[in-house]
Protein backbone atom coordinates (compact mmCIF):
# COMPACT_ATOMS: atom_id res chain seq x y z
CA MET A 1 32.01 67.70 141.67
CA SER A 2 32.09 68.74 138.01
CA ILE A 3 33.00 66.23 135.30
CA GLN A 4 32.74 66.92 131.59
CA PRO A 5 31.46 64.17 129.27
CA CYS A 6 33.73 62.59 126.67
CA VAL A 7 31.48 63.88 123.88
CA LYS A 8 30.90 67.56 123.17
CA PRO A 9 27.16 67.95 122.40
CA GLU A 10 27.78 71.07 120.30
CA ALA A 11 30.00 69.01 117.95
CA THR A 12 27.65 66.08 117.45
CA SER A 13 25.79 65.35 114.22
CA LEU A 14 22.76 64.52 116.38
CA ARG A 15 22.21 68.05 117.63
CA GLY A 16 18.75 69.27 116.65
CA ARG A 17 17.87 65.94 115.00
CA ASP A 18 14.69 63.92 115.33
CA LEU A 19 14.92 60.35 116.64
CA LEU A 20 12.06 58.41 115.07
CA SER A 21 13.65 55.06 114.17
CA LEU A 22 17.02 53.36 114.62
CA TYR A 23 17.06 52.86 110.87
CA ASP A 24 17.70 56.61 110.56
CA LEU A 25 20.89 56.48 112.66
CA SER A 26 24.35 55.49 111.46
CA LYS A 27 26.52 53.02 113.36
CA GLU A 28 28.72 55.93 114.39
CA GLU A 29 25.75 57.85 115.81
CA ILE A 30 24.59 54.80 117.76
CA ASP A 31 28.13 54.39 119.12
CA GLU A 32 28.12 58.05 120.13
CA ILE A 33 24.88 57.64 122.08
CA LEU A 34 26.16 54.52 123.84
CA LYS A 35 29.52 56.11 124.74
CA THR A 36 27.76 59.20 126.07
CA ALA A 37 25.41 56.99 128.10
CA GLU A 38 28.42 55.20 129.58
CA THR A 39 29.96 58.52 130.62
CA LEU A 40 26.73 59.91 132.04
CA LYS A 41 26.05 56.71 133.99
CA SER A 42 29.51 56.93 135.57
CA MET A 43 28.92 60.58 136.39
CA HIS A 44 25.55 59.69 137.93
CA TYR A 45 27.10 57.21 140.35
CA LEU A 46 29.92 59.64 141.19
CA GLY A 47 27.34 62.27 142.10
CA ALA A 48 28.63 64.66 139.43
CA ASP A 49 26.78 67.92 138.84
CA TYR A 50 26.27 68.18 135.09
CA LYS A 51 23.40 70.35 133.82
CA PRO A 52 23.70 70.79 130.03
CA LEU A 53 19.93 71.33 129.67
CA LYS A 54 19.56 74.04 132.29
CA GLY A 55 16.64 76.27 131.33
CA LYS A 56 15.35 73.87 128.64
CA SER A 57 11.99 72.11 128.57
CA LEU A 58 10.76 68.85 127.06
CA GLY A 59 7.10 68.42 126.17
CA MET A 60 6.05 64.78 126.68
CA ILE A 61 2.92 63.70 124.79
CA PHE A 62 1.39 60.39 125.91
CA GLN A 63 -1.33 58.71 123.87
CA LYS A 64 -0.31 55.39 125.50
CA SER A 65 0.15 54.78 129.22
CA SER A 66 3.68 54.32 130.49
CA THR A 67 5.88 53.54 133.46
CA ARG A 68 9.50 53.41 132.28
CA THR A 69 9.24 55.92 129.42
CA ARG A 70 7.54 58.60 131.50
CA VAL A 71 9.65 58.21 134.62
CA SER A 72 12.98 57.87 132.82
CA PHE A 73 12.46 60.90 130.56
CA GLU A 74 11.10 63.04 133.40
CA VAL A 75 13.94 62.14 135.76
CA ALA A 76 16.49 62.47 132.94
CA MET A 77 15.42 66.05 132.20
CA TRP A 78 15.52 66.97 135.89
CA GLN A 79 18.99 65.45 136.38
CA LEU A 80 20.27 67.32 133.30
CA GLY A 81 18.96 70.61 134.69
CA GLY A 82 15.88 70.87 132.50
CA HIS A 83 12.14 70.48 132.96
CA ALA A 84 9.66 67.95 131.57
CA LEU A 85 5.95 68.56 131.01
CA PHE A 86 3.58 65.59 130.98
CA LEU A 87 0.84 66.01 128.36
CA SER A 88 -1.77 63.26 128.05
CA SER A 89 -4.19 63.21 125.12
CA SER A 90 -7.04 64.16 127.46
CA ASP A 91 -5.06 67.15 128.77
CA THR A 92 -4.34 68.71 125.37
CA GLN A 93 -6.39 69.96 122.47
CA LEU A 94 -5.23 66.92 120.45
CA GLY A 95 -7.95 65.07 122.33
CA ARG A 96 -10.51 67.58 121.06
CA GLY A 97 -9.57 67.55 117.40
CA GLU A 98 -6.67 70.00 117.08
CA THR A 99 -4.48 68.86 114.21
CA ILE A 100 -1.01 67.42 114.71
CA PRO A 101 0.61 70.12 112.50
CA ASP A 102 -1.00 72.88 114.60
CA THR A 103 0.09 71.19 117.83
CA ALA A 104 3.64 70.83 116.49
CA ARG A 105 3.90 74.49 115.54
CA VAL A 106 2.48 75.71 118.85
CA LEU A 107 4.69 73.50 121.01
CA SER A 108 7.71 74.61 118.98
CA ARG A 109 7.13 78.12 120.40
CA PHE A 110 7.01 76.89 124.02
CA VAL A 111 9.46 74.00 124.52
CA ASP A 112 12.87 72.89 123.25
CA GLY A 113 11.99 69.32 122.35
CA ILE A 114 9.08 66.89 122.15
CA MET A 115 8.94 63.25 123.22
CA ILE A 116 5.83 61.42 122.06
CA ARG A 117 4.50 57.94 122.92
CA ALA A 118 1.81 57.17 120.39
CA TYR A 119 -0.05 54.47 118.49
CA SER A 120 0.52 55.59 114.91
CA HIS A 121 4.06 56.02 113.61
CA LYS A 122 2.70 58.23 110.83
CA ASP A 123 1.37 60.64 113.48
CA VAL A 124 4.87 60.95 114.94
CA GLU A 125 6.38 61.51 111.50
CA LEU A 126 3.79 64.23 110.88
CA LEU A 127 4.59 65.87 114.22
CA ALA A 128 8.30 65.88 113.33
CA GLU A 129 7.59 67.29 109.88
CA TYR A 130 5.84 70.38 111.29
CA ALA A 131 7.85 70.90 114.49
CA ASP A 132 10.80 73.30 114.46
CA ILE A 133 12.34 71.45 117.42
CA PRO A 134 13.61 67.86 117.84
CA VAL A 135 11.02 65.08 118.16
CA ILE A 136 11.90 61.87 119.98
CA ASN A 137 9.86 58.72 119.45
CA GLY A 138 9.08 57.26 122.89
CA LEU A 139 7.17 54.39 121.24
CA THR A 140 4.87 53.79 118.29
CA ASP A 141 3.25 50.67 116.88
CA TYR A 142 6.18 50.49 114.42
CA SER A 143 9.24 51.55 116.36
CA HIS A 144 10.73 51.76 119.87
CA PRO A 145 14.21 53.23 119.32
CA CYS A 146 14.92 54.46 122.85
CA GLN A 147 14.26 51.01 124.30
CA VAL A 148 16.58 49.26 121.86
CA LEU A 149 19.34 51.82 122.42
CA ALA A 150 19.08 50.98 126.13
CA ASP A 151 19.16 47.29 125.20
CA LEU A 152 22.31 47.70 123.12
CA PHE A 153 23.92 49.64 125.96
CA THR A 154 23.05 46.85 128.41
CA ILE A 155 24.45 44.18 126.10
CA TYR A 156 27.66 46.19 125.70
CA GLU A 157 27.96 46.56 129.49
CA LYS A 158 27.58 42.82 130.03
CA LYS A 159 29.49 41.48 127.01
CA LYS A 160 32.02 44.30 126.41
CA LYS A 161 31.26 44.20 122.69
CA LEU A 162 28.35 44.13 120.22
CA ALA A 163 29.66 43.09 116.80
CA GLY A 164 29.52 39.34 116.23
CA LEU A 165 27.15 38.57 119.10
CA LYS A 166 23.89 36.71 118.45
CA LEU A 167 20.54 37.95 119.77
CA ALA A 168 17.50 35.66 119.62
CA PHE A 169 14.09 37.30 119.86
CA ILE A 170 11.25 34.92 120.75
CA GLY A 171 7.63 35.95 120.20
CA ASP A 172 5.86 38.45 117.95
CA GLY A 173 8.23 39.18 115.09
CA ASN A 174 5.85 41.76 113.66
CA ASN A 175 5.85 44.33 116.45
CA ASN A 176 7.75 47.51 117.31
CA MET A 177 10.37 45.66 119.38
CA ALA A 178 11.21 43.14 116.67
CA ASN A 179 11.39 45.94 114.09
CA SER A 180 13.72 48.03 116.22
CA LEU A 181 15.90 45.08 117.22
CA LEU A 182 16.31 44.17 113.55
CA PHE A 183 17.45 47.71 112.77
CA GLY A 184 19.57 48.11 115.92
CA CYS A 185 21.36 44.74 115.74
CA THR A 186 22.19 45.02 112.06
CA LYS A 187 23.46 48.59 112.46
CA VAL A 188 26.03 47.52 115.07
CA GLY A 189 27.02 44.25 113.43
CA MET A 190 25.14 41.84 115.69
CA ASN A 191 23.49 38.70 114.35
CA ILE A 192 19.77 38.36 115.04
CA ALA A 193 17.43 35.37 114.95
CA ILE A 194 13.68 35.76 115.33
CA GLY A 195 11.62 32.80 116.45
CA ALA A 196 8.00 33.58 115.64
CA PRO A 197 4.92 31.65 114.52
CA LYS A 198 3.65 31.85 110.97
CA GLY A 199 1.63 35.03 110.48
CA TYR A 200 3.64 36.91 113.10
CA GLN A 201 6.97 37.20 111.34
CA PRO A 202 8.60 40.51 110.31
CA LEU A 203 7.07 42.72 107.65
CA GLU A 204 8.65 42.49 104.21
CA GLU A 205 9.36 46.23 104.31
CA VAL A 206 11.28 45.89 107.59
CA MET A 207 13.20 42.85 106.37
CA LYS A 208 14.32 44.61 103.18
CA LYS A 209 15.69 47.53 105.21
CA ALA A 210 17.40 45.28 107.76
CA GLU A 211 18.90 43.05 105.07
CA ALA A 212 20.29 46.08 103.25
CA VAL A 213 21.98 47.25 106.45
CA ALA A 214 23.24 43.71 107.20
CA GLU A 215 25.00 43.61 103.83
CA THR A 216 27.14 46.56 104.88
CA THR A 217 27.89 45.41 108.45
CA GLY A 218 28.19 41.65 108.04
CA SER A 219 25.24 40.82 110.28
CA GLU A 220 23.31 37.59 109.79
CA ILE A 221 19.50 37.45 110.03
CA MET A 222 17.50 34.29 110.68
CA ILE A 223 13.70 34.03 110.68
CA THR A 224 12.31 30.73 111.91
CA GLU A 225 9.25 29.17 113.50
CA ASP A 226 11.53 26.97 115.65
CA ILE A 227 12.43 28.75 118.88
CA PHE A 228 15.23 26.29 119.69
CA GLU A 229 16.82 26.94 116.30
CA ALA A 230 16.61 30.67 117.01
CA ALA A 231 18.02 30.28 120.54
CA LYS A 232 20.89 27.96 119.61
CA ASP A 233 24.19 29.43 120.86
CA ALA A 234 22.56 32.84 121.40
CA ASP A 235 24.46 35.37 123.52
CA VAL A 236 21.22 37.23 124.23
CA LEU A 237 17.66 35.94 124.60
CA TYR A 238 14.95 38.57 124.27
CA THR A 239 11.17 38.53 124.49
CA ASP A 240 8.19 40.86 124.77
CA VAL A 241 4.52 40.50 125.67
CA TRP A 242 2.37 38.57 123.23
CA THR A 243 -0.39 41.21 123.25
CA SER A 244 0.66 44.86 123.04
CA MET A 245 -1.42 47.92 123.90
CA GLY A 246 -4.17 48.36 121.34
CA GLN A 247 -4.34 44.61 120.60
CA GLU A 248 -6.42 43.59 123.62
CA ASN A 249 -9.27 42.32 121.44
CA GLU A 250 -6.81 39.81 119.90
CA ARG A 251 -5.65 38.44 123.25
CA LYS A 252 -7.20 34.96 123.02
CA ILE A 253 -6.11 34.50 119.41
CA ARG A 254 -2.58 35.55 120.31
CA GLU A 255 -2.40 33.29 123.36
CA GLU A 256 -3.15 30.35 121.09
CA ALA A 257 -0.74 31.48 118.37
CA PHE A 258 2.15 32.02 120.79
CA ALA A 259 1.65 28.95 122.96
CA GLY A 260 5.10 27.36 123.01
CA TYR A 261 6.88 30.64 122.21
CA GLN A 262 8.08 31.15 125.75
CA ILE A 263 11.54 31.74 127.19
CA ASN A 264 11.89 29.05 129.84
CA GLU A 265 14.74 26.98 131.28
CA ASP A 266 14.80 24.67 128.23
CA VAL A 267 15.26 27.62 125.87
CA VAL A 268 17.97 29.08 128.11
CA LYS A 269 19.82 25.76 127.98
CA ALA A 270 19.77 25.89 124.17
CA ALA A 271 21.60 29.21 124.22
CA ASP A 272 25.22 29.99 125.09
CA ASP A 273 26.26 29.09 128.65
CA GLU A 274 26.82 32.80 129.39
CA VAL A 275 23.58 33.98 127.77
CA ILE A 276 21.82 37.03 129.15
CA VAL A 277 18.03 37.25 129.18
CA MET A 278 16.25 40.52 128.39
CA HIS A 279 12.68 41.81 128.40
CA CYS A 280 11.55 45.39 127.71
CA LEU A 281 8.82 45.09 130.38
CA PRO A 282 6.08 44.95 131.52
CA ALA A 283 6.32 41.15 131.66
CA HIS A 284 3.45 38.71 131.82
CA ARG A 285 5.16 36.02 133.86
CA GLY A 286 4.06 32.56 132.90
CA GLU A 287 3.25 33.64 129.33
CA GLU A 288 6.18 34.88 127.23
CA ILE A 289 8.70 34.23 130.02
CA THR A 290 8.72 32.13 133.16
CA HIS A 291 9.11 33.56 136.65
CA ASP A 292 12.19 31.40 137.26
CA VAL A 293 13.99 32.79 134.20
CA ILE A 294 13.21 36.46 134.78
CA GLU A 295 14.41 36.08 138.38
CA GLY A 296 17.25 33.73 137.48
CA PRO A 297 21.02 34.21 137.16
CA HIS A 298 20.93 34.96 133.43
CA SER A 299 18.39 37.79 133.71
CA VAL A 300 19.56 41.39 133.25
CA VAL A 301 16.01 42.72 132.94
CA PHE A 302 16.24 45.29 135.72
CA ASP A 303 19.68 46.54 134.70
CA GLU A 304 18.13 46.96 131.25
CA ALA A 305 15.24 48.97 132.73
CA GLU A 306 17.62 51.25 134.66
CA ASN A 307 19.60 51.91 131.52
CA ARG A 308 16.58 53.58 129.95
CA LEU A 309 17.45 56.54 132.22
CA HIS A 310 21.11 56.75 131.27
CA VAL A 311 20.57 56.26 127.54
CA GLN A 312 17.77 58.81 127.44
CA LYS A 313 20.01 61.28 129.24
CA ALA A 314 22.52 60.69 126.45
CA ILE A 315 19.89 61.16 123.74
CA LEU A 316 18.64 64.39 125.32
CA THR A 317 22.15 65.74 125.86
CA LEU A 318 23.22 65.08 122.28
CA ILE A 319 20.01 66.21 120.61
CA MET A 320 19.06 69.17 122.83
CA GLY A 321 22.40 70.10 124.47
């Protein structure tokens, strides 16, 4: 079976572009990614044979360990007819002091795109500056654009719209997920409330950017220490781990700071009756979210995880196709 997608990759403004942050994308470009993901997901379940990346290779650099990012990008490239190469820091000369600019220029001669999962966002920006091929941010300490694109796609699947919905994020408002949700929600006209303790609320720099976008799309932003105020009438409840990779030495401090910042049945009851509950995973059940909620009727966590594959296929098709 051969089905053509509704979007022609050669006509897209995303072709050859880097994807480092959702702030860099327009609403129209986000819509294009989500529509392409919808088409490719349908094709996937129909068993369609669509190989726009035949003969192309993606270099995947991992400074941080991964389950969903590695598997979804690797499977996505294979399903699109291409090939993915896993490159850990210990397997490359980056781990022995080769500079990022040199690595970028060398890989540009070998592969057609780079996906990198790193600690420092500045390192990813430097890689993109010196690479002659597209660079996709698989995660940094500042931004997680591929995850939030998958989140927006999941919300659209479940709610049939994005604009005007309210998302409440409970937890660390000063991490890559909160940053990316602020950018993603405001770009598509969603309202966003962040319930976070003092000292863990969004950076001023991120807020200024998100507020500027919100002025053009009509989104509303709320920052509060009260999780029930944040969750009130929310269409989407979202959380993430309290302690991210690289913050392990802060674990005890963070457990104390975030005590009470948990999505549980009481928080679900404060939201809209048809609320959906999301988590980017991995989840620490009993900390940021209860077992009953993540396994409950409002949870779409595993649909959300699957959609990483379909959205990343869309990103790869549009950028590298």
